[in-house]
């Protein structure tokens, strides 16, 4: 058996801190057209690592970066609207809002 690893103490990261980390790790581009999905990957993944890329279905903005978790968060799915990957601004334009509990349909 190996020696157990000691957990490193890390202070809490606020939602704003995560957003800043994610946005600093991403590159935004505007190809002006819907790019083809990467075969064998979920809808919206346009390029494999080391620089993953996702694209919003409405505004067609692309985000790329080396950390798939941050890249995939730039344009996300909502379970209630299957097969659509949008950025936060486009979800808001469609009447959806996000809070601590997730996405909900706003008035």
N, C-alpha and C. Protein backbone atom coordinates (compact mmCIF):
# COMPACT_ATOMS: atom_id res chain seq x y z
N UNK A 1 0.82 -1.19 0.00
CA UNK A 1 0.00 0.00 0.00
C UNK A 1 0.86 1.24 0.00
N UNK A 2 0.41 2.24 -0.70
CA UNK A 2 1.14 3.50 -0.76
C UNK A 2 0.86 4.36 0.46
N UNK A 3 1.61 5.41 0.57
CA UNK A 3 1.44 6.36 1.66
C UNK A 3 0.27 7.27 1.31
N UNK A 4 -0.69 7.45 2.23
CA UNK A 4 -1.83 8.32 1.91
C UNK A 4 -1.37 9.76 1.69
N UNK A 5 -1.98 10.39 0.73
CA UNK A 5 -1.65 11.79 0.44
C UNK A 5 -2.36 12.70 1.43
N UNK A 6 -1.68 13.73 1.86
CA UNK A 6 -2.28 14.69 2.78
C UNK A 6 -3.00 15.76 1.95
N UNK A 7 -4.23 16.04 2.32
CA UNK A 7 -5.01 17.05 1.60
C UNK A 7 -4.40 18.42 1.85
N UNK A 8 -4.37 19.20 0.83
CA UNK A 8 -3.87 20.57 0.92
C UNK A 8 -5.04 21.47 1.29
N UNK A 9 -4.84 22.36 2.25
CA UNK A 9 -5.92 23.27 2.62
C UNK A 9 -6.03 24.38 1.59
N UNK A 10 -7.24 24.58 1.12
CA UNK A 10 -7.51 25.63 0.15
C UNK A 10 -8.69 26.42 0.67
N UNK A 11 -8.58 27.71 0.69
CA UNK A 11 -9.68 28.55 1.15
C UNK A 11 -10.84 28.49 0.17
N UNK A 12 -12.00 28.93 0.62
CA UNK A 12 -13.17 28.91 -0.27
C UNK A 12 -12.99 29.84 -1.46
N UNK A 13 -13.52 29.42 -2.59
CA UNK A 13 -13.47 30.24 -3.79
C UNK A 13 -14.91 30.64 -4.08
N UNK A 14 -15.15 31.92 -4.13
CA UNK A 14 -16.51 32.39 -4.39
C UNK A 14 -16.88 32.12 -5.84
N UNK A 15 -18.15 32.22 -6.14
CA UNK A 15 -18.61 32.05 -7.52
C UNK A 15 -17.92 33.02 -8.46
N UNK A 16 -17.71 34.27 -7.99
CA UNK A 16 -17.02 35.25 -8.82
C UNK A 16 -15.57 34.85 -9.07
N UNK A 17 -14.93 34.26 -8.05
CA UNK A 17 -13.55 33.80 -8.21
C UNK A 17 -13.45 32.71 -9.24
N UNK A 18 -14.39 31.76 -9.22
CA UNK A 18 -14.41 30.70 -10.22
C UNK A 18 -14.66 31.27 -11.60
N UNK A 19 -15.56 32.22 -11.71
CA UNK A 19 -15.85 32.84 -13.00
C UNK A 19 -14.62 33.54 -13.55
N UNK A 20 -13.88 34.24 -12.68
CA UNK A 20 -12.65 34.91 -13.14
C UNK A 20 -11.61 33.90 -13.59
N UNK A 21 -11.46 32.79 -12.81
CA UNK A 21 -10.50 31.76 -13.21
C UNK A 21 -10.89 31.16 -14.56
N UNK A 22 -12.16 30.86 -14.74
CA UNK A 22 -12.64 30.24 -15.97
C UNK A 22 -12.45 31.18 -17.15
N UNK A 23 -12.83 32.45 -16.99
CA UNK A 23 -12.74 33.36 -18.11
C UNK A 23 -11.30 33.67 -18.48
N UNK A 24 -10.39 33.67 -17.50
CA UNK A 24 -8.99 33.94 -17.82
C UNK A 24 -8.35 32.75 -18.53
N UNK A 25 -8.95 31.57 -18.38
CA UNK A 25 -8.41 30.38 -19.00
C UNK A 25 -8.99 30.15 -20.40
N UNK A 26 -9.88 31.03 -20.84
CA UNK A 26 -10.57 30.82 -22.11
C UNK A 26 -10.19 31.87 -23.15
N UNK A 27 -10.24 31.45 -24.40
CA UNK A 27 -10.06 32.34 -25.53
C UNK A 27 -11.38 32.37 -26.28
N UNK A 28 -11.87 33.54 -26.60
CA UNK A 28 -13.14 33.69 -27.30
C UNK A 28 -12.88 34.00 -28.77
N UNK A 29 -13.69 33.40 -29.66
CA UNK A 29 -13.58 33.70 -31.09
C UNK A 29 -14.98 33.73 -31.70
N UNK A 30 -15.09 34.34 -32.88
CA UNK A 30 -16.37 34.51 -33.56
C UNK A 30 -16.24 34.08 -35.02
N UNK A 31 -16.45 32.79 -35.31
CA UNK A 31 -16.27 32.31 -36.68
C UNK A 31 -17.37 32.76 -37.64
N UNK A 32 -18.53 33.22 -37.12
CA UNK A 32 -19.60 33.71 -37.99
C UNK A 32 -20.44 32.61 -38.62
N UNK A 33 -20.18 31.37 -38.26
CA UNK A 33 -20.97 30.25 -38.78
C UNK A 33 -20.92 29.12 -37.76
N UNK A 34 -21.90 28.22 -37.84
CA UNK A 34 -21.93 27.08 -36.94
C UNK A 34 -20.89 26.06 -37.42
N UNK A 35 -19.95 25.74 -36.57
CA UNK A 35 -18.91 24.77 -36.91
C UNK A 35 -19.45 23.35 -36.70
N UNK A 36 -18.91 22.36 -37.41
CA UNK A 36 -19.38 20.98 -37.21
C UNK A 36 -18.96 20.44 -35.85
N UNK A 37 -19.83 19.60 -35.27
CA UNK A 37 -19.49 18.95 -34.00
C UNK A 37 -18.37 17.95 -34.21
N UNK A 38 -17.60 17.73 -33.18
CA UNK A 38 -16.52 16.75 -33.20
C UNK A 38 -17.14 15.36 -33.15
N UNK A 39 -16.86 14.49 -34.11
CA UNK A 39 -17.46 13.15 -34.12
C UNK A 39 -17.16 12.39 -32.83
N UNK A 40 -18.19 11.74 -32.29
CA UNK A 40 -18.04 10.95 -31.08
C UNK A 40 -18.12 11.74 -29.78
N UNK A 41 -18.29 13.05 -29.86
CA UNK A 41 -18.41 13.89 -28.66
C UNK A 41 -19.82 14.45 -28.59
N UNK A 42 -20.20 14.99 -27.43
CA UNK A 42 -21.52 15.57 -27.27
C UNK A 42 -21.65 16.82 -28.13
N UNK A 43 -22.89 17.21 -28.40
CA UNK A 43 -23.16 18.38 -29.23
C UNK A 43 -22.46 19.63 -28.70
N UNK A 44 -21.87 20.38 -29.58
CA UNK A 44 -21.24 21.64 -29.22
C UNK A 44 -19.74 21.58 -29.05
N UNK A 45 -19.19 20.37 -28.88
CA UNK A 45 -17.72 20.24 -28.79
C UNK A 45 -17.20 20.30 -30.22
N UNK A 46 -16.39 21.32 -30.49
CA UNK A 46 -15.95 21.57 -31.87
C UNK A 46 -14.50 21.18 -32.12
N UNK A 47 -13.70 21.08 -31.06
CA UNK A 47 -12.28 20.78 -31.22
C UNK A 47 -11.80 20.02 -29.99
N UNK A 48 -10.98 18.97 -30.19
CA UNK A 48 -10.47 18.20 -29.05
C UNK A 48 -9.30 18.90 -28.37
N UNK A 49 -8.92 18.40 -27.18
CA UNK A 49 -7.77 18.95 -26.46
C UNK A 49 -6.50 18.79 -27.27
N UNK A 50 -5.44 19.49 -26.98
CA UNK A 50 -5.21 20.23 -25.74
C UNK A 50 -5.94 21.58 -25.68
N UNK A 51 -6.46 22.10 -26.78
CA UNK A 51 -7.27 23.33 -26.74
C UNK A 51 -8.69 22.99 -27.14
N UNK A 52 -9.50 22.56 -26.14
CA UNK A 52 -10.90 22.21 -26.37
C UNK A 52 -11.66 23.43 -26.85
N UNK A 53 -12.69 23.20 -27.67
CA UNK A 53 -13.52 24.32 -28.12
C UNK A 53 -14.99 23.93 -28.08
N UNK A 54 -15.82 24.85 -27.56
CA UNK A 54 -17.28 24.70 -27.60
C UNK A 54 -17.85 25.93 -28.30
N UNK A 55 -19.09 25.78 -28.79
CA UNK A 55 -19.73 26.88 -29.50
C UNK A 55 -21.17 27.04 -29.06
N UNK A 56 -21.61 28.28 -28.93
CA UNK A 56 -23.00 28.60 -28.62
C UNK A 56 -23.82 28.44 -29.90
N UNK A 57 -24.97 27.76 -29.79
CA UNK A 57 -25.82 27.52 -30.96
C UNK A 57 -26.49 28.79 -31.49
N UNK A 58 -26.70 29.80 -30.64
CA UNK A 58 -27.40 31.01 -31.09
C UNK A 58 -26.46 32.10 -31.58
N UNK A 59 -25.55 32.57 -30.74
CA UNK A 59 -24.67 33.69 -31.14
C UNK A 59 -23.44 33.22 -31.91
N UNK A 60 -23.19 31.92 -31.94
CA UNK A 60 -22.09 31.28 -32.67
C UNK A 60 -20.70 31.61 -32.12
N UNK A 61 -20.65 32.20 -30.93
CA UNK A 61 -19.36 32.48 -30.29
C UNK A 61 -18.73 31.15 -29.86
N UNK A 62 -17.41 31.05 -30.02
CA UNK A 62 -16.65 29.87 -29.60
C UNK A 62 -15.75 30.24 -28.43
N UNK A 63 -15.57 29.29 -27.54
CA UNK A 63 -14.62 29.44 -26.44
C UNK A 63 -13.67 28.26 -26.47
N UNK A 64 -12.39 28.51 -26.29
CA UNK A 64 -11.41 27.43 -26.28
C UNK A 64 -10.46 27.61 -25.11
N UNK A 65 -9.92 26.48 -24.66
CA UNK A 65 -8.98 26.47 -23.56
C UNK A 65 -8.54 25.05 -23.27
N UNK A 66 -7.57 24.91 -22.39
CA UNK A 66 -6.99 23.60 -22.13
C UNK A 66 -7.76 22.80 -21.09
N UNK A 67 -8.64 23.44 -20.31
CA UNK A 67 -9.39 22.74 -19.28
C UNK A 67 -10.83 22.57 -19.73
N UNK A 68 -11.20 21.34 -20.06
CA UNK A 68 -12.52 21.06 -20.63
C UNK A 68 -13.65 21.52 -19.73
N UNK A 69 -13.49 21.41 -18.42
CA UNK A 69 -14.55 21.83 -17.50
C UNK A 69 -14.87 23.30 -17.67
N UNK A 70 -13.85 24.15 -17.75
CA UNK A 70 -14.08 25.58 -17.93
C UNK A 70 -14.64 25.88 -19.32
N UNK A 71 -14.12 25.21 -20.33
CA UNK A 71 -14.57 25.43 -21.70
C UNK A 71 -16.04 25.04 -21.83
N UNK A 72 -16.40 23.87 -21.32
CA UNK A 72 -17.78 23.39 -21.44
C UNK A 72 -18.75 24.28 -20.66
N UNK A 73 -18.30 24.94 -19.62
CA UNK A 73 -19.17 25.83 -18.83
C UNK A 73 -19.49 27.12 -19.59
N UNK A 74 -18.66 27.50 -20.56
CA UNK A 74 -18.89 28.74 -21.31
C UNK A 74 -20.17 28.67 -22.14
N UNK A 75 -20.50 27.50 -22.64
CA UNK A 75 -21.75 27.28 -23.38
C UNK A 75 -22.30 25.96 -22.86
N UNK A 76 -23.43 26.01 -22.18
CA UNK A 76 -23.92 24.85 -21.44
C UNK A 76 -25.27 24.35 -21.95
N UNK A 77 -25.60 23.14 -21.49
CA UNK A 77 -26.90 22.53 -21.71
C UNK A 77 -27.79 22.83 -20.52
N UNK A 78 -29.10 22.81 -20.74
CA UNK A 78 -30.08 22.82 -19.66
C UNK A 78 -30.95 21.60 -19.89
N UNK A 79 -31.12 20.79 -18.85
CA UNK A 79 -31.83 19.51 -18.99
C UNK A 79 -33.23 19.67 -19.59
N UNK A 80 -33.89 20.78 -19.28
CA UNK A 80 -35.26 20.99 -19.77
C UNK A 80 -35.32 21.33 -21.25
N UNK A 81 -34.19 21.65 -21.86
CA UNK A 81 -34.14 22.00 -23.29
C UNK A 81 -33.07 21.12 -23.94
N UNK A 82 -33.39 19.86 -24.25
CA UNK A 82 -32.38 18.93 -24.75
C UNK A 82 -31.80 19.33 -26.11
N UNK A 83 -30.52 19.04 -26.27
CA UNK A 83 -29.84 19.23 -27.55
C UNK A 83 -29.46 20.65 -27.90
N UNK A 84 -29.57 21.57 -26.95
CA UNK A 84 -29.23 22.98 -27.21
C UNK A 84 -28.10 23.37 -26.27
N UNK A 85 -27.02 23.93 -26.84
CA UNK A 85 -25.89 24.41 -26.03
C UNK A 85 -25.78 25.91 -26.28
N UNK A 86 -25.95 26.69 -25.20
CA UNK A 86 -25.93 28.15 -25.33
C UNK A 86 -25.05 28.77 -24.26
N UNK A 87 -24.58 29.98 -24.54
CA UNK A 87 -23.86 30.76 -23.54
C UNK A 87 -24.89 31.39 -22.59
N UNK A 88 -24.42 31.92 -21.49
CA UNK A 88 -25.33 32.49 -20.48
C UNK A 88 -26.18 33.62 -21.07
N UNK A 89 -25.60 34.48 -21.88
CA UNK A 89 -26.35 35.59 -22.47
C UNK A 89 -27.49 35.09 -23.36
N UNK A 90 -27.23 34.07 -24.15
CA UNK A 90 -28.27 33.53 -25.03
C UNK A 90 -29.35 32.80 -24.25
N UNK A 91 -28.97 32.08 -23.17
CA UNK A 91 -30.00 31.47 -22.32
C UNK A 91 -30.87 32.56 -21.72
N UNK A 92 -30.25 33.66 -21.26
CA UNK A 92 -31.02 34.77 -20.69
C UNK A 92 -31.98 35.35 -21.72
N UNK A 93 -31.54 35.50 -22.96
CA UNK A 93 -32.42 36.02 -24.02
C UNK A 93 -33.60 35.08 -24.29
N UNK A 94 -33.42 33.80 -24.03
CA UNK A 94 -34.50 32.82 -24.21
C UNK A 94 -35.38 32.70 -22.96
N UNK A 95 -35.12 33.54 -21.95
CA UNK A 95 -35.98 33.54 -20.77
C UNK A 95 -35.52 32.64 -19.64
N UNK A 96 -34.25 32.27 -19.61
CA UNK A 96 -33.71 31.43 -18.54
C UNK A 96 -32.75 32.26 -17.69
N UNK A 97 -32.72 31.97 -16.40
CA UNK A 97 -31.80 32.62 -15.47
C UNK A 97 -31.10 31.54 -14.65
N UNK A 98 -29.95 31.89 -14.10
CA UNK A 98 -29.18 30.93 -13.31
C UNK A 98 -28.95 31.49 -11.92
N UNK A 99 -29.08 30.62 -10.92
CA UNK A 99 -28.73 31.01 -9.56
C UNK A 99 -27.97 29.85 -8.91
N UNK A 100 -27.80 29.91 -7.62
CA UNK A 100 -27.05 28.89 -6.88
C UNK A 100 -27.58 27.48 -7.11
N UNK A 101 -28.89 27.35 -7.32
CA UNK A 101 -29.52 26.05 -7.48
C UNK A 101 -29.52 25.54 -8.93
N UNK A 102 -29.11 26.36 -9.85
CA UNK A 102 -29.09 25.96 -11.25
C UNK A 102 -29.94 26.89 -12.11
N UNK A 103 -30.37 26.40 -13.25
CA UNK A 103 -31.15 27.20 -14.20
C UNK A 103 -32.62 27.09 -13.91
N UNK A 104 -33.34 28.18 -14.13
CA UNK A 104 -34.80 28.19 -13.98
C UNK A 104 -35.37 29.14 -15.03
N UNK A 105 -36.61 28.89 -15.42
CA UNK A 105 -37.27 29.73 -16.41
C UNK A 105 -37.75 30.99 -15.70
N UNK A 106 -37.26 32.15 -16.16
CA UNK A 106 -37.64 33.40 -15.54
C UNK A 106 -38.95 33.92 -16.14
N UNK A 107 -39.52 34.86 -15.47
CA UNK A 107 -40.82 35.42 -15.89
C UNK A 107 -40.68 36.23 -17.15
